[in-house]
Amino acid sequence: MSEIVCLCKGISEDTIVEAIKNGAKSVEEVKEATGATTGFCKGGRCKGKIEELIKEN
């Protein structure tokens, strides 16, 4: 199992990378595809990691 990136929603790195591979090119598109950044902290804890994953993939 991969690391949990979005702690509020329990969304894993694998799920986010899959969304990126399926065409998500921004944090907003990853949000729409996975629900990441929609939890209590509104992306305060995971936005940076999502941006990093977008750049890497």
C-alpha atoms as a PDB file:
ATOM      1  CA  MET A   1       0.000   0.000   0.000  1.00  0.00           C
ATOM      2  CA  SER A   2       1.279   3.446  -0.855  1.00  0.00           C
ATOM      3  CA  GLU A   3       1.644   6.473   1.377  1.00  0.00           C
ATOM      4  CA  ILE A   4      -1.499   8.427   2.259  1.00  0.00           C
ATOM      5  CA  VAL A   5      -1.128  11.905   0.759  1.00  0.00           C
ATOM      6  CA  CYS A   6      -4.500  13.439   1.639  1.00  0.00           C
ATOM      7  CA  LEU A   7      -4.876  12.628   5.316  1.00  0.00           C
ATOM      8  CA  CYS A   8      -8.343  14.160   5.677  1.00  0.00           C
ATOM      9  CA  LYS A   9      -9.848  11.981   2.949  1.00  0.00           C
ATOM     10  CA  GLY A  10      -7.439   9.025   3.175  1.00  0.00           C
ATOM     11  CA  ILE A  11      -6.343   9.299  -0.471  1.00  0.00           C
ATOM     12  CA  SER A  12      -3.183   7.436  -1.369  1.00  0.00           C
ATOM     13  CA  GLU A  13      -0.266   8.432  -3.553  1.00  0.00           C
ATOM     14  CA  ASP A  14      -1.179   5.589  -5.942  1.00  0.00           C
ATOM     15  CA  THR A  15      -4.673   7.029  -6.403  1.00  0.00           C
ATOM     16  CA  ILE A  16      -3.292  10.493  -7.131  1.00  0.00           C
ATOM     17  CA  VAL A  17      -0.643   9.181  -9.542  1.00  0.00           C
ATOM     18  CA  GLU A  18      -3.357   7.187 -11.347  1.00  0.00           C
ATOM     19  CA  ALA A  19      -5.425  10.370 -11.760  1.00  0.00           C
ATOM     20  CA  ILE A  20      -2.366  12.161 -13.158  1.00  0.00           C
ATOM     21  CA  LYS A  21      -1.703   9.318 -15.595  1.00  0.00           C
ATOM     22  CA  ASN A  22      -5.353   9.570 -16.652  1.00  0.00           C
ATOM     23  CA  GLY A  23      -4.900  13.223 -17.597  1.00  0.00           C
ATOM     24  CA  ALA A  24      -5.085  15.358 -14.439  1.00  0.00           C
ATOM     25  CA  LYS A  25      -2.570  18.157 -14.977  1.00  0.00           C
ATOM     26  CA  SER A  26      -3.344  20.462 -12.039  1.00  0.00           C
ATOM     27  CA  VAL A  27      -4.248  20.259  -8.374  1.00  0.00           C
ATOM     28  CA  GLU A  28      -7.814  21.223  -9.343  1.00  0.00           C
ATOM     29  CA  GLU A  29      -8.035  18.330 -11.820  1.00  0.00           C
ATOM     30  CA  VAL A  30      -6.616  15.902  -9.233  1.00  0.00           C
ATOM     31  CA  LYS A  31      -9.225  17.252  -6.809  1.00  0.00           C
ATOM     32  CA  GLU A  32     -12.034  16.578  -9.292  1.00  0.00           C
ATOM     33  CA  ALA A  33     -10.763  13.067 -10.015  1.00  0.00           C
ATOM     34  CA  THR A  34      -9.982  11.940  -6.460  1.00  0.00           C
ATOM     35  CA  GLY A  35     -11.515  14.275  -3.893  1.00  0.00           C
ATOM     36  CA  ALA A  36      -8.084  15.214  -2.557  1.00  0.00           C
ATOM     37  CA  THR A  37      -7.929  18.721  -1.012  1.00  0.00           C
ATOM     38  CA  THR A  38     -11.659  18.638  -0.161  1.00  0.00           C
ATOM     39  CA  GLY A  39     -11.243  17.615   3.472  1.00  0.00           C
ATOM     40  CA  PHE A  40     -11.072  19.600   6.677  1.00  0.00           C
ATOM     41  CA  CYS A  41      -7.740  21.313   5.900  1.00  0.00           C
ATOM     42  CA  LYS A  42      -8.732  22.201   2.299  1.00  0.00           C
ATOM     43  CA  GLY A  43      -5.398  21.002   0.917  1.00  0.00           C
ATOM     44  CA  GLY A  44      -3.220  22.661   3.536  1.00  0.00           C
ATOM     45  CA  ARG A  45      -1.382  19.406   4.207  1.00  0.00           C
ATOM     46  CA  CYS A  46      -1.451  17.717   0.794  1.00  0.00           C
ATOM     47  CA  LYS A  47      -1.412  20.388  -1.905  1.00  0.00           C
ATOM     48  CA  GLY A  48       2.396  20.610  -1.992  1.00  0.00           C
ATOM     49  CA  LYS A  49       2.787  16.847  -2.328  1.00  0.00           C
ATOM     50  CA  ILE A  50       0.169  16.751  -5.096  1.00  0.00           C
ATOM     51  CA  GLU A  51       2.028  19.503  -6.974  1.00  0.00           C
ATOM     52  CA  GLU A  52       5.245  17.505  -6.579  1.00  0.00           C
ATOM     53  CA  LEU A  53       3.579  14.358  -7.943  1.00  0.00           C
ATOM     54  CA  ILE A  54       2.223  16.282 -10.937  1.00  0.00           C
ATOM     55  CA  LYS A  55       5.738  17.502 -11.763  1.00  0.00           C
ATOM     56  CA  GLU A  56       7.209  14.002 -11.382  1.00  0.00           C
ATOM     57  CA  ASN A  57       4.564  12.265 -13.465  1.00  0.00           C
END
